[in-house]
Amino acid sequence: MWRIGDWFEERLQWREPWRDQANQIVPIHATNWIYCLGGLTFLMFCIQVVSGILLLIYYKPTATEAYNSVKFISIEVQFGWFIRSVHTWCANLFVLFLMLHSARVFFTGSYKAPREMTWVSGVILLIIGLGFGFTGYLLPWDQIAYWATTVGTDMTRSVPPQALGEMILTILRGGATVSGDTITRFFAVHVMVLPVISLILLIAHFLMIRKQGISHPL
């Protein structure tokens, strides 16, 4: 095992940068639980990725098969009910921790200089997190999901001017009403577009936190 590590070390020199990161001192105030909300949010995100990949094995994002595939996962697939429950509950906890983390950063003034860009990336990640919840809510393709998406997308009609609001509505739904085109679009955004953007922003977010350190209390 050590020989494999030495082989990689000789070519990549990965141990020293890792030691520099691992040996950084954590400020005593950062051991307070309110400073752990960001880590809990990231933990929920990782669980969502793993459980989502497992659900992808059986899920079929079409209007004719989506509901039946979810039913098959919940009833027929071994531990499918458990994986789906984990994905559902962690989605709720992910949004909760994300909002609590954002509130903690705001009320402790952690968004101030020199951490403005960290705050901006975090706000974008908050919006993306809400996007995960909105797009994922439709995927079971049941009555609650259908009507919730209908009401949610219909809100874009209030965007001025009216022509712009109607255009956004059509882009979101893929037509005039929530249909099979909507579920296909939401699925693509949920499992491809948002995860890629999230990964890029998370890397940038963590690098800036490492560079600037954890903020001090007010």
N, C-alpha and C. Protein backbone atom coordinates (compact mmCIF):
# COMPACT_ATOMS: atom_id res chain seq x y z
N MET A 1 0.83 -1.20 0.00
CA MET A 1 0.00 0.00 0.00
C MET A 1 0.87 1.25 0.00
N TRP A 2 1.91 1.23 0.87
CA TRP A 2 2.79 2.40 0.94
C TRP A 2 3.56 2.58 -0.36
N ARG A 3 3.88 1.45 -1.04
CA ARG A 3 4.58 1.56 -2.32
C ARG A 3 3.73 2.26 -3.36
N ILE A 4 2.42 1.99 -3.35
CA ILE A 4 1.53 2.68 -4.27
C ILE A 4 1.51 4.17 -3.97
N GLY A 5 1.43 4.50 -2.67
CA GLY A 5 1.46 5.90 -2.27
C GLY A 5 2.75 6.58 -2.67
N ASP A 6 3.87 5.87 -2.50
CA ASP A 6 5.17 6.43 -2.89
C ASP A 6 5.25 6.64 -4.40
N TRP A 7 4.63 5.72 -5.15
CA TRP A 7 4.63 5.84 -6.62
C TRP A 7 3.91 7.11 -7.05
N PHE A 8 2.74 7.35 -6.44
CA PHE A 8 2.00 8.58 -6.76
C PHE A 8 2.73 9.82 -6.26
N GLU A 9 3.34 9.72 -5.09
CA GLU A 9 4.06 10.87 -4.54
C GLU A 9 5.22 11.28 -5.43
N GLU A 10 5.90 10.30 -6.00
CA GLU A 10 7.05 10.59 -6.86
C GLU A 10 6.63 11.35 -8.11
N ARG A 11 5.39 11.12 -8.57
CA ARG A 11 4.92 11.74 -9.81
C ARG A 11 4.03 12.98 -9.59
N LEU A 12 3.30 12.99 -8.49
CA LEU A 12 2.34 14.08 -8.27
C LEU A 12 2.69 14.99 -7.09
N GLN A 13 3.56 14.52 -6.23
CA GLN A 13 3.92 15.29 -5.02
C GLN A 13 2.66 15.78 -4.29
N TRP A 14 1.78 14.86 -3.93
CA TRP A 14 0.49 15.21 -3.35
C TRP A 14 0.51 15.28 -1.83
N ARG A 15 1.52 14.70 -1.18
CA ARG A 15 1.51 14.62 0.27
C ARG A 15 1.72 15.97 0.96
N GLU A 16 2.63 16.77 0.45
CA GLU A 16 2.94 18.04 1.10
C GLU A 16 1.76 19.01 1.08
N PRO A 17 1.11 19.22 -0.09
CA PRO A 17 -0.09 20.08 -0.06
C PRO A 17 -1.16 19.56 0.88
N TRP A 18 -1.31 18.23 0.94
CA TRP A 18 -2.31 17.66 1.84
C TRP A 18 -1.95 17.93 3.30
N ARG A 19 -0.66 17.80 3.63
CA ARG A 19 -0.23 18.09 5.00
C ARG A 19 -0.48 19.55 5.36
N ASP A 20 -0.23 20.46 4.41
CA ASP A 20 -0.46 21.88 4.67
C ASP A 20 -1.93 22.15 5.00
N GLN A 21 -2.83 21.48 4.27
CA GLN A 21 -4.25 21.68 4.52
C GLN A 21 -4.69 21.00 5.81
N ALA A 22 -4.21 19.79 6.04
CA ALA A 22 -4.64 19.01 7.21
C ALA A 22 -4.10 19.59 8.52
N ASN A 23 -2.98 20.29 8.46
CA ASN A 23 -2.36 20.81 9.68
C ASN A 23 -2.77 22.23 10.02
N GLN A 24 -3.70 22.80 9.26
CA GLN A 24 -4.18 24.13 9.59
C GLN A 24 -4.94 24.12 10.91
N ILE A 25 -4.71 25.13 11.72
CA ILE A 25 -5.35 25.22 13.04
C ILE A 25 -6.77 25.75 12.89
N VAL A 26 -7.71 25.07 13.54
CA VAL A 26 -9.10 25.50 13.53
C VAL A 26 -9.32 26.46 14.70
N PRO A 27 -9.83 27.68 14.45
CA PRO A 27 -10.09 28.63 15.55
C PRO A 27 -11.05 28.04 16.57
N ILE A 28 -10.86 28.38 17.83
CA ILE A 28 -11.67 27.79 18.90
C ILE A 28 -13.15 28.10 18.72
N HIS A 29 -13.49 29.29 18.19
CA HIS A 29 -14.90 29.64 18.03
C HIS A 29 -15.57 28.79 16.94
N ALA A 30 -14.75 28.21 16.03
CA ALA A 30 -15.32 27.41 14.94
C ALA A 30 -15.82 26.06 15.41
N THR A 31 -15.53 25.71 16.68
CA THR A 31 -16.06 24.45 17.22
C THR A 31 -17.50 24.60 17.70
N ASN A 32 -18.00 25.83 17.72
CA ASN A 32 -19.41 26.05 18.06
C ASN A 32 -20.29 25.44 16.97
N TRP A 33 -21.43 24.87 17.39
CA TRP A 33 -22.26 24.11 16.43
C TRP A 33 -22.77 24.97 15.29
N ILE A 34 -22.95 26.28 15.53
CA ILE A 34 -23.50 27.10 14.45
C ILE A 34 -22.50 27.25 13.30
N TYR A 35 -21.22 27.01 13.57
CA TYR A 35 -20.23 27.07 12.51
C TYR A 35 -20.10 25.74 11.76
N CYS A 36 -20.88 24.75 12.18
CA CYS A 36 -20.87 23.43 11.51
C CYS A 36 -22.00 23.29 10.50
N LEU A 37 -22.84 24.32 10.36
CA LEU A 37 -23.98 24.23 9.46
C LEU A 37 -23.55 24.07 8.00
N GLY A 38 -22.47 24.75 7.61
CA GLY A 38 -21.97 24.60 6.24
C GLY A 38 -21.51 23.19 5.96
N GLY A 39 -20.81 22.58 6.93
CA GLY A 39 -20.38 21.19 6.77
C GLY A 39 -21.53 20.23 6.72
N LEU A 40 -22.57 20.48 7.52
CA LEU A 40 -23.76 19.63 7.49
C LEU A 40 -24.48 19.76 6.15
N THR A 41 -24.50 20.97 5.60
CA THR A 41 -25.11 21.17 4.28
C THR A 41 -24.37 20.37 3.23
N PHE A 42 -23.05 20.42 3.28
CA PHE A 42 -22.25 19.67 2.31
C PHE A 42 -22.43 18.16 2.49
N LEU A 43 -22.56 17.70 3.73
CA LEU A 43 -22.82 16.29 3.99
C LEU A 43 -24.14 15.86 3.36
N MET A 44 -25.19 16.68 3.53
CA MET A 44 -26.49 16.37 2.93
C MET A 44 -26.37 16.33 1.40
N PHE A 45 -25.58 17.25 0.85
CA PHE A 45 -25.38 17.27 -0.60
C PHE A 45 -24.72 15.98 -1.08
N CYS A 46 -23.73 15.52 -0.35
CA CYS A 46 -23.04 14.27 -0.74
C CYS A 46 -23.98 13.08 -0.66
N ILE A 47 -24.81 13.02 0.39
CA ILE A 47 -25.79 11.94 0.51
C ILE A 47 -26.79 12.00 -0.64
N GLN A 48 -27.19 13.21 -1.03
CA GLN A 48 -28.11 13.37 -2.14
C GLN A 48 -27.50 12.85 -3.44
N VAL A 49 -26.23 13.13 -3.65
CA VAL A 49 -25.57 12.67 -4.87
C VAL A 49 -25.54 11.14 -4.93
N VAL A 50 -25.14 10.51 -3.82
CA VAL A 50 -25.04 9.04 -3.79
C VAL A 50 -26.42 8.40 -3.94
N SER A 51 -27.39 8.85 -3.15
CA SER A 51 -28.73 8.26 -3.23
C SER A 51 -29.39 8.56 -4.57
N GLY A 52 -29.11 9.74 -5.13
CA GLY A 52 -29.66 10.08 -6.44
C GLY A 52 -29.13 9.18 -7.54
N ILE A 53 -27.84 8.86 -7.48
CA ILE A 53 -27.25 7.97 -8.47
C ILE A 53 -27.89 6.58 -8.38
N LEU A 54 -28.14 6.11 -7.17
CA LEU A 54 -28.79 4.81 -7.00
C LEU A 54 -30.22 4.83 -7.54
N LEU A 55 -30.93 5.93 -7.35
CA LEU A 55 -32.30 6.04 -7.88
C LEU A 55 -32.30 6.10 -9.40
N LEU A 56 -31.25 6.68 -9.97
CA LEU A 56 -31.16 6.81 -11.43
C LEU A 56 -31.14 5.45 -12.13
N ILE A 57 -30.72 4.41 -11.42
CA ILE A 57 -30.62 3.08 -12.04
C ILE A 57 -31.99 2.61 -12.53
N TYR A 58 -33.05 2.98 -11.78
CA TYR A 58 -34.39 2.49 -12.10
C TYR A 58 -35.36 3.57 -12.56
N TYR A 59 -35.05 4.84 -12.30
CA TYR A 59 -35.99 5.90 -12.62
C TYR A 59 -36.05 6.16 -14.12
N LYS A 60 -37.27 6.42 -14.63
CA LYS A 60 -37.48 6.69 -16.06
C LYS A 60 -38.19 8.03 -16.22
N PRO A 61 -37.51 9.04 -16.74
CA PRO A 61 -38.06 10.40 -16.77
C PRO A 61 -39.00 10.67 -17.94
N THR A 62 -40.07 9.92 -18.02
CA THR A 62 -41.09 10.17 -19.05
C THR A 62 -42.46 10.23 -18.39
N ALA A 63 -43.39 10.89 -19.05
CA ALA A 63 -44.73 11.07 -18.48
C ALA A 63 -45.44 9.73 -18.30
N THR A 64 -45.16 8.76 -19.14
CA THR A 64 -45.85 7.47 -19.09
C THR A 64 -45.22 6.50 -18.09
N GLU A 65 -43.94 6.72 -17.75
CA GLU A 65 -43.23 5.73 -16.93
C GLU A 65 -42.69 6.27 -15.62
N ALA A 66 -42.68 7.58 -15.43
CA ALA A 66 -42.06 8.17 -14.23
C ALA A 66 -42.72 7.67 -12.95
N TYR A 67 -44.04 7.79 -12.87
CA TYR A 67 -44.74 7.38 -11.64
C TYR A 67 -44.57 5.89 -11.37
N ASN A 68 -44.71 5.07 -12.41
CA ASN A 68 -44.58 3.63 -12.24
C ASN A 68 -43.17 3.23 -11.84
N SER A 69 -42.17 3.95 -12.35
CA SER A 69 -40.78 3.64 -11.98
C SER A 69 -40.52 3.99 -10.52
N VAL A 70 -41.10 5.10 -10.04
CA VAL A 70 -40.97 5.46 -8.62
C VAL A 70 -41.68 4.42 -7.76
N LYS A 71 -42.85 3.99 -8.19
CA LYS A 71 -43.58 2.95 -7.47
C LYS A 71 -42.79 1.64 -7.45
N PHE A 72 -42.15 1.31 -8.56
CA PHE A 72 -41.34 0.10 -8.64
C PHE A 72 -40.16 0.19 -7.67
N ILE A 73 -39.51 1.37 -7.62
CA ILE A 73 -38.39 1.57 -6.69
C ILE A 73 -38.84 1.39 -5.25
N SER A 74 -40.00 1.94 -4.92
CA SER A 74 -40.47 1.92 -3.54
C SER A 74 -40.95 0.55 -3.09
N ILE A 75 -41.45 -0.27 -4.02
CA ILE A 75 -42.07 -1.54 -3.64
C ILE A 75 -41.23 -2.75 -4.03
N GLU A 76 -40.71 -2.75 -5.25
CA GLU A 76 -40.07 -3.95 -5.79
C GLU A 76 -38.56 -4.00 -5.55
N VAL A 77 -37.89 -2.89 -5.68
CA VAL A 77 -36.43 -2.87 -5.56
C VAL A 77 -36.03 -3.09 -4.11
N GLN A 78 -35.06 -3.96 -3.89
CA GLN A 78 -34.59 -4.22 -2.53
C GLN A 78 -33.97 -2.96 -1.93
N PHE A 79 -34.48 -2.56 -0.78
CA PHE A 79 -34.06 -1.33 -0.08
C PHE A 79 -34.35 -0.07 -0.89
N GLY A 80 -35.16 -0.20 -1.94
CA GLY A 80 -35.49 0.97 -2.74
C GLY A 80 -36.26 2.00 -1.94
N TRP A 81 -37.18 1.52 -1.08
CA TRP A 81 -37.96 2.44 -0.23
C TRP A 81 -37.04 3.23 0.68
N PHE A 82 -35.99 2.56 1.18
CA PHE A 82 -35.05 3.21 2.10
C PHE A 82 -34.24 4.28 1.37
N ILE A 83 -33.74 3.95 0.18
CA ILE A 83 -32.94 4.90 -0.58
C ILE A 83 -33.77 6.12 -0.97
N ARG A 84 -35.02 5.87 -1.38
CA ARG A 84 -35.88 6.99 -1.75
C ARG A 84 -36.21 7.85 -0.53
N SER A 85 -36.44 7.21 0.62
CA SER A 85 -36.72 7.96 1.84
C SER A 85 -35.52 8.80 2.25
N VAL A 86 -34.34 8.23 2.14
CA VAL A 86 -33.12 8.98 2.46
C VAL A 86 -32.99 10.19 1.54
N HIS A 87 -33.25 9.98 0.25
CA HIS A 87 -33.15 11.08 -0.72
C HIS A 87 -34.17 12.17 -0.41
N THR A 88 -35.37 11.77 -0.04
CA THR A 88 -36.42 12.75 0.24
C THR A 88 -36.13 13.55 1.50
N TRP A 89 -35.78 12.86 2.59
CA TRP A 89 -35.54 13.55 3.86
C TRP A 89 -34.27 14.39 3.80
N CYS A 90 -33.24 13.88 3.16
CA CYS A 90 -32.01 14.65 3.06
C CYS A 90 -32.19 15.88 2.17
N ALA A 91 -33.11 15.80 1.21
CA ALA A 91 -33.41 16.99 0.39
C ALA A 91 -33.99 18.09 1.27
N ASN A 92 -34.89 17.73 2.17
CA ASN A 92 -35.47 18.71 3.09
C ASN A 92 -34.41 19.26 4.05
N LEU A 93 -33.58 18.36 4.60
CA LEU A 93 -32.53 18.80 5.51
C LEU A 93 -31.49 19.64 4.80
N PHE A 94 -31.21 19.31 3.54
CA PHE A 94 -30.26 20.09 2.74
C PHE A 94 -30.70 21.54 2.62
N VAL A 95 -31.96 21.75 2.26
CA VAL A 95 -32.48 23.12 2.13
C VAL A 95 -32.51 23.82 3.48
N LEU A 96 -32.90 23.09 4.54
CA LEU A 96 -32.95 23.67 5.89
C LEU A 96 -31.56 24.13 6.34
N PHE A 97 -30.58 23.23 6.25
CA PHE A 97 -29.22 23.58 6.68
C PHE A 97 -28.63 24.69 5.80
N LEU A 98 -28.97 24.67 4.52
CA LEU A 98 -28.46 25.69 3.61
C LEU A 98 -28.97 27.08 4.01
N MET A 99 -30.23 27.16 4.38
CA MET A 99 -30.80 28.45 4.77
C MET A 99 -30.28 28.88 6.14
N LEU A 100 -30.13 27.93 7.06
CA LEU A 100 -29.58 28.26 8.38
C LEU A 100 -28.13 28.71 8.27
N HIS A 101 -27.36 28.05 7.41
CA HIS A 101 -25.96 28.43 7.20
C HIS A 101 -25.87 29.85 6.62
N SER A 102 -26.72 30.14 5.65
CA SER A 102 -26.74 31.48 5.05
C SER A 102 -27.12 32.54 6.09
N ALA A 103 -28.10 32.21 6.94
CA ALA A 103 -28.52 33.14 7.99
C ALA A 103 -27.39 33.36 8.98
N ARG A 104 -26.66 32.30 9.34
CA ARG A 104 -25.53 32.43 10.27
C ARG A 104 -24.46 33.34 9.70
N VAL A 105 -24.14 33.16 8.42
CA VAL A 105 -23.12 33.99 7.78
C VAL A 105 -23.56 35.45 7.76
N PHE A 106 -24.83 35.69 7.51
CA PHE A 106 -25.34 37.06 7.45
C PHE A 106 -25.32 37.73 8.82
N PHE A 107 -25.88 37.04 9.82
CA PHE A 107 -26.04 37.67 11.14
C PHE A 107 -24.73 37.77 11.91
N THR A 108 -23.72 36.99 11.54
CA THR A 108 -22.40 37.12 12.18
C THR A 108 -21.47 38.03 11.38
N GLY A 109 -21.97 38.60 10.28
CA GLY A 109 -21.16 39.53 9.49
C GLY A 109 -20.03 38.87 8.74
N SER A 110 -20.15 37.56 8.48
CA SER A 110 -19.07 36.85 7.79
C SER A 110 -18.99 37.16 6.30
N TYR A 111 -19.93 37.94 5.81
CA TYR A 111 -19.94 38.30 4.39
C TYR A 111 -19.08 39.54 4.11
N LYS A 112 -18.56 40.17 5.15
CA LYS A 112 -17.82 41.42 4.98
C LYS A 112 -16.41 41.14 4.45
N ALA A 113 -15.73 42.22 4.04
CA ALA A 113 -14.37 42.11 3.47
C ALA A 113 -13.46 41.34 4.42
N PRO A 114 -12.63 40.44 3.89
CA PRO A 114 -12.37 40.21 2.45
C PRO A 114 -13.14 39.01 1.89
N ARG A 115 -14.31 38.71 2.44
CA ARG A 115 -15.03 37.48 2.09
C ARG A 115 -16.25 37.74 1.22
N GLU A 116 -16.27 38.85 0.51
CA GLU A 116 -17.45 39.16 -0.31
C GLU A 116 -17.70 38.11 -1.38
N MET A 117 -16.64 37.64 -2.05
CA MET A 117 -16.80 36.66 -3.12
C MET A 117 -17.25 35.31 -2.57
N THR A 118 -16.80 34.99 -1.36
CA THR A 118 -17.28 33.76 -0.71
C THR A 118 -18.78 33.85 -0.47
N TRP A 119 -19.23 35.03 -0.04
CA TRP A 119 -20.65 35.26 0.21
C TRP A 119 -21.45 35.17 -1.09
N VAL A 120 -20.93 35.78 -2.16
CA VAL A 120 -21.63 35.76 -3.45
C VAL A 120 -21.77 34.32 -3.95
N SER A 121 -20.69 33.55 -3.88
CA SER A 121 -20.76 32.15 -4.33
C SER A 121 -21.73 31.36 -3.46
N GLY A 122 -21.80 31.69 -2.16
CA GLY A 122 -22.73 31.01 -1.28
C GLY A 122 -24.18 31.34 -1.60
N VAL A 123 -24.45 32.60 -1.93
CA VAL A 123 -25.81 32.99 -2.30
C VAL A 123 -26.24 32.29 -3.58
N ILE A 124 -25.32 32.20 -4.55
CA ILE A 124 -25.64 31.48 -5.79
C ILE A 124 -25.92 30.01 -5.49
N LEU A 125 -25.12 29.42 -4.59
CA LEU A 125 -25.35 28.03 -4.19
C LEU A 125 -26.70 27.87 -3.49
N LEU A 126 -27.12 28.89 -2.73
CA LEU A 126 -28.44 28.85 -2.10
C LEU A 126 -29.53 28.82 -3.15
N ILE A 127 -29.41 29.64 -4.17
CA ILE A 127 -30.41 29.67 -5.26
C ILE A 127 -30.42 28.33 -5.99
N ILE A 128 -29.24 27.78 -6.24
CA ILE A 128 -29.15 26.48 -6.91
C ILE A 128 -29.78 25.39 -6.04
N GLY A 129 -29.56 25.47 -4.72
CA GLY A 129 -30.17 24.50 -3.81
C GLY A 129 -31.68 24.52 -3.88
N LEU A 130 -32.25 25.72 -3.94
CA LEU A 130 -33.70 25.84 -4.11
C LEU A 130 -34.14 25.30 -5.47
N GLY A 131 -33.27 25.49 -6.48
CA GLY A 131 -33.55 24.94 -7.80
C GLY A 131 -33.56 23.42 -7.79
N PHE A 132 -32.67 22.82 -7.01
CA PHE A 132 -32.67 21.36 -6.84
C PHE A 132 -34.02 20.90 -6.28
N GLY A 133 -34.48 21.61 -5.24
CA GLY A 133 -35.75 21.22 -4.62
C GLY A 133 -36.92 21.37 -5.57
N PHE A 134 -36.93 22.47 -6.33
CA PHE A 134 -38.06 22.72 -7.23
C PHE A 134 -38.10 21.72 -8.38
N THR A 135 -36.95 21.47 -9.01
CA THR A 135 -36.92 20.53 -10.14
C THR A 135 -37.14 19.09 -9.69
N GLY A 136 -36.63 18.75 -8.52
CA GLY A 136 -36.80 17.38 -8.04
C GLY A 136 -38.20 17.06 -7.58
N TYR A 137 -38.95 18.09 -7.20
CA TYR A 137 -40.30 17.87 -6.68
C TYR A 137 -41.24 17.30 -7.74
N LEU A 138 -40.97 17.60 -9.00
CA LEU A 138 -41.85 17.13 -10.08
C LEU A 138 -41.60 15.67 -10.44
N LEU A 139 -40.41 15.17 -10.17
CA LEU A 139 -39.99 13.88 -10.73
C LEU A 139 -40.85 12.68 -10.32
N PRO A 140 -41.44 12.63 -9.13
CA PRO A 140 -42.34 11.49 -8.84
C PRO A 140 -43.57 11.44 -9.73
N TRP A 141 -43.94 12.60 -10.33
CA TRP A 141 -45.02 12.69 -11.31
C TRP A 141 -46.35 12.21 -10.73
N ASP A 142 -46.64 12.65 -9.50
CA ASP A 142 -47.95 12.38 -8.92
C ASP A 142 -48.77 13.68 -8.91
N GLN A 143 -49.96 13.64 -8.33
CA GLN A 143 -50.84 14.80 -8.35
C GLN A 143 -50.24 16.00 -7.61
N ILE A 144 -49.64 15.73 -6.45
CA ILE A 144 -49.04 16.83 -5.68
C ILE A 144 -47.93 17.48 -6.49
N ALA A 145 -47.06 16.66 -7.08
CA ALA A 145 -45.94 17.20 -7.86
C ALA A 145 -46.44 17.98 -9.07
N TYR A 146 -47.46 17.45 -9.72
CA TYR A 146 -47.98 18.10 -10.93
C TYR A 146 -48.54 19.48 -10.62
N TRP A 147 -49.42 19.55 -9.61
CA TRP A 147 -50.07 20.83 -9.33
C TRP A 147 -49.13 21.82 -8.66
N ALA A 148 -48.19 21.33 -7.86
CA ALA A 148 -47.20 22.22 -7.26
C ALA A 148 -46.33 22.86 -8.34
N THR A 149 -45.94 22.06 -9.33
CA THR A 149 -45.14 22.59 -10.43
C THR A 149 -45.96 23.54 -11.30
N THR A 150 -47.24 23.21 -11.49
CA THR A 150 -48.11 24.10 -12.27
C THR A 150 -48.19 25.47 -11.62
N VAL A 151 -48.42 25.48 -10.30
CA VAL A 151 -48.52 26.76 -9.58
C VAL A 151 -47.17 27.48 -9.57
N GLY A 152 -46.09 26.70 -9.32
CA GLY A 152 -44.77 27.31 -9.23
C GLY A 152 -44.31 27.95 -10.53
N THR A 153 -44.51 27.25 -11.63
CA THR A 153 -44.10 27.81 -12.92
C THR A 153 -45.03 28.93 -13.36
N ASP A 154 -46.28 28.87 -12.93
CA ASP A 154 -47.23 29.90 -13.32
C ASP A 154 -46.87 31.27 -12.73
N MET A 155 -46.07 31.28 -11.68
CA MET A 155 -45.65 32.53 -11.06
C MET A 155 -44.79 33.38 -12.00
N THR A 156 -44.16 32.72 -12.98
CA THR A 156 -43.32 33.48 -13.91
C THR A 156 -44.13 34.42 -14.79
N ARG A 157 -45.45 34.24 -14.83
CA ARG A 157 -46.29 35.15 -15.61
C ARG A 157 -46.23 36.58 -15.07
N SER A 158 -45.89 36.71 -13.79
CA SER A 158 -45.84 38.05 -13.19
C SER A 158 -44.55 38.79 -13.50
N VAL A 159 -43.60 38.13 -14.17
CA VAL A 159 -42.34 38.80 -14.54
C VAL A 159 -42.62 39.82 -15.64
N PRO A 160 -42.27 41.09 -15.40
CA PRO A 160 -42.51 42.11 -16.45
C PRO A 160 -41.37 42.13 -17.47
N PRO A 161 -41.64 42.49 -18.72
CA PRO A 161 -42.97 42.67 -19.30
C PRO A 161 -43.66 41.32 -19.50
N GLN A 162 -44.93 41.34 -19.84
CA GLN A 162 -45.71 40.13 -19.93
C GLN A 162 -45.13 39.14 -20.93
N ALA A 163 -44.60 39.65 -22.04
CA ALA A 163 -44.04 38.77 -23.07
C ALA A 163 -42.85 37.99 -22.53
N LEU A 164 -42.03 38.63 -21.68
CA LEU A 164 -40.89 37.95 -21.08
C LEU A 164 -41.34 36.87 -20.12
N GLY A 165 -42.35 37.17 -19.29
CA GLY A 165 -42.87 36.18 -18.37
C GLY A 165 -43.43 34.97 -19.08
N GLU A 166 -44.14 35.20 -20.18
CA GLU A 166 -44.69 34.09 -20.96
C GLU A 166 -43.59 33.26 -21.60
N MET A 167 -42.52 33.91 -22.03
CA MET A 167 -41.41 33.19 -22.63
C MET A 167 -40.71 32.30 -21.61
N ILE A 168 -40.49 32.83 -20.39
CA ILE A 168 -39.87 32.04 -19.33
C ILE A 168 -40.75 30.85 -18.98
N LEU A 169 -42.06 31.08 -18.92
CA LEU A 169 -43.00 30.01 -18.61
C LEU A 169 -42.92 28.89 -19.66
N THR A 170 -42.87 29.27 -20.92
CA THR A 170 -42.79 28.28 -22.00
C THR A 170 -41.48 27.51 -21.95
N ILE A 171 -40.39 28.21 -21.63
CA ILE A 171 -39.09 27.54 -21.54
C ILE A 171 -39.08 26.53 -20.40
N LEU A 172 -39.66 26.92 -19.26
CA LEU A 172 -39.68 26.02 -18.10
C LEU A 172 -40.54 24.79 -18.36
N ARG A 173 -41.72 25.01 -18.93
CA ARG A 173 -42.65 23.89 -19.14
C ARG A 173 -42.41 23.13 -20.42
N GLY A 174 -41.75 23.75 -21.37
CA GLY A 174 -41.61 23.11 -22.68
C GLY A 174 -42.89 23.16 -23.47
N GLY A 175 -43.78 24.07 -23.09
CA GLY A 175 -45.07 24.21 -23.77
C GLY A 175 -45.99 25.05 -22.92
N ALA A 176 -47.29 25.00 -23.22
CA ALA A 176 -48.25 25.82 -22.50
C ALA A 176 -48.61 25.23 -21.15
N THR A 177 -48.52 23.91 -20.99
CA THR A 177 -48.90 23.25 -19.75
C THR A 177 -47.78 22.33 -19.27
N VAL A 178 -47.88 21.90 -18.01
CA VAL A 178 -46.94 20.92 -17.47
C VAL A 178 -47.22 19.58 -18.14
N SER A 179 -46.20 19.01 -18.78
CA SER A 179 -46.39 17.79 -19.57
C SER A 179 -45.14 16.93 -19.50
N GLY A 180 -45.08 15.95 -20.41
CA GLY A 180 -43.90 15.09 -20.47
C GLY A 180 -42.65 15.88 -20.81
N ASP A 181 -42.80 16.93 -21.62
CA ASP A 181 -41.64 17.77 -21.94
C ASP A 181 -41.11 18.47 -20.68
N THR A 182 -42.00 18.84 -19.78
CA THR A 182 -41.60 19.50 -18.54
C THR A 182 -40.77 18.56 -17.67
N ILE A 183 -41.24 17.34 -17.50
CA ILE A 183 -40.53 16.40 -16.64
C ILE A 183 -39.15 16.06 -17.22
N THR A 184 -39.07 15.98 -18.56
CA THR A 184 -37.77 15.72 -19.20
C THR A 184 -36.81 16.87 -18.96
N ARG A 185 -37.30 18.09 -19.07
CA ARG A 185 -36.45 19.26 -18.84
C ARG A 185 -36.02 19.36 -17.39
N PHE A 186 -36.95 19.17 -16.49
CA PHE A 186 -36.64 19.26 -15.07
C PHE A 186 -35.64 18.17 -14.68
N PHE A 187 -35.81 16.98 -15.25
CA PHE A 187 -34.88 15.88 -14.95
C PHE A 187 -33.47 16.22 -15.42
N ALA A 188 -33.35 16.75 -16.64
CA ALA A 188 -32.04 17.11 -17.17
C ALA A 188 -31.37 18.19 -16.32
N VAL A 189 -32.15 19.18 -15.92
CA VAL A 189 -31.60 20.24 -15.07
C VAL A 189 -31.21 19.69 -13.71
N HIS A 190 -32.04 18.80 -13.16
CA HIS A 190 -31.83 18.27 -11.81
C HIS A 190 -30.60 17.38 -11.71
N VAL A 191 -30.35 16.57 -12.71
CA VAL A 191 -29.26 15.58 -12.61
C VAL A 191 -28.01 15.95 -13.39
N MET A 192 -28.07 16.97 -14.26
CA MET A 192 -26.89 17.33 -15.05
C MET A 192 -26.48 18.79 -14.89
N VAL A 193 -27.39 19.70 -15.17
CA VAL A 193 -27.03 21.12 -15.19
C VAL A 193 -26.67 21.63 -13.80
N LEU A 194 -27.59 21.47 -12.84
CA LEU A 194 -27.35 21.98 -11.49
C LEU A 194 -26.18 21.30 -10.78
N PRO A 195 -26.01 19.97 -10.89
CA PRO A 195 -24.85 19.36 -10.24
C PRO A 195 -23.50 19.87 -10.77
N VAL A 196 -23.40 20.08 -12.07
CA VAL A 196 -22.14 20.57 -12.64
C VAL A 196 -21.83 21.98 -12.14
N ILE A 197 -22.84 22.85 -12.17
CA ILE A 197 -22.65 24.22 -11.67
C ILE A 197 -22.33 24.20 -10.18
N SER A 198 -23.00 23.34 -9.42
CA SER A 198 -22.76 23.24 -7.98
C SER A 198 -21.33 22.80 -7.69
N LEU A 199 -20.84 21.83 -8.43
CA LEU A 199 -19.49 21.32 -8.21
C LEU A 199 -18.45 22.42 -8.44
N ILE A 200 -18.61 23.17 -9.51
CA ILE A 200 -17.68 24.26 -9.81
C ILE A 200 -17.71 25.32 -8.70
N LEU A 201 -18.91 25.70 -8.29
CA LEU A 201 -19.04 26.72 -7.25
C LEU A 201 -18.56 26.22 -5.89
N LEU A 202 -18.80 24.95 -5.59
CA LEU A 202 -18.34 24.40 -4.32
C LEU A 202 -16.82 24.40 -4.23
N ILE A 203 -16.16 24.02 -5.31
CA ILE A 203 -14.69 24.05 -5.32
C ILE A 203 -14.19 25.47 -5.09
N ALA A 204 -14.78 26.44 -5.80
CA ALA A 204 -14.39 27.83 -5.62
C ALA A 204 -14.70 28.30 -4.20
N HIS A 205 -15.85 27.91 -3.67
CA HIS A 205 -16.27 28.31 -2.32
C HIS A 205 -15.29 27.79 -1.27
N PHE A 206 -14.92 26.52 -1.37
CA PHE A 206 -14.01 25.92 -0.40
C PHE A 206 -12.60 26.49 -0.51
N LEU A 207 -12.16 26.75 -1.74
CA LEU A 207 -10.83 27.33 -1.92
C LEU A 207 -10.75 28.72 -1.29
N MET A 208 -11.81 29.51 -1.45
CA MET A 208 -11.81 30.85 -0.86
C MET A 208 -11.86 30.80 0.67
N ILE A 209 -12.60 29.81 1.21
CA ILE A 209 -12.64 29.65 2.66
C ILE A 209 -11.26 29.28 3.18
N ARG A 210 -10.57 28.39 2.47
CA ARG A 210 -9.22 27.99 2.86
C ARG A 210 -8.24 29.16 2.78
N LYS A 211 -8.41 29.96 1.76
CA LYS A 211 -7.51 31.09 1.55
C LYS A 211 -7.71 32.17 2.61
N GLN A 212 -8.96 32.47 2.93
CA GLN A 212 -9.27 33.59 3.82
C GLN A 212 -9.47 33.17 5.27
N GLY A 213 -9.64 31.86 5.51
CA GLY A 213 -9.86 31.38 6.85
C GLY A 213 -11.30 31.56 7.31
N ILE A 214 -11.61 31.00 8.46
CA ILE A 214 -12.95 31.10 9.01
C ILE A 214 -13.10 32.44 9.71
N SER A 215 -14.22 33.11 9.45
CA SER A 215 -14.43 34.44 10.00
C SER A 215 -14.57 34.39 11.52
N HIS A 216 -14.23 35.50 12.16
CA HIS A 216 -14.36 35.62 13.62
C HIS A 216 -15.74 36.14 13.98
N PRO A 217 -16.21 35.83 15.19
CA PRO A 217 -17.52 36.34 15.61
C PRO A 217 -17.49 37.86 15.70
N LEU A 218 -18.67 38.48 15.66
CA LEU A 218 -18.76 39.92 15.79
C LEU A 218 -18.27 40.33 17.18
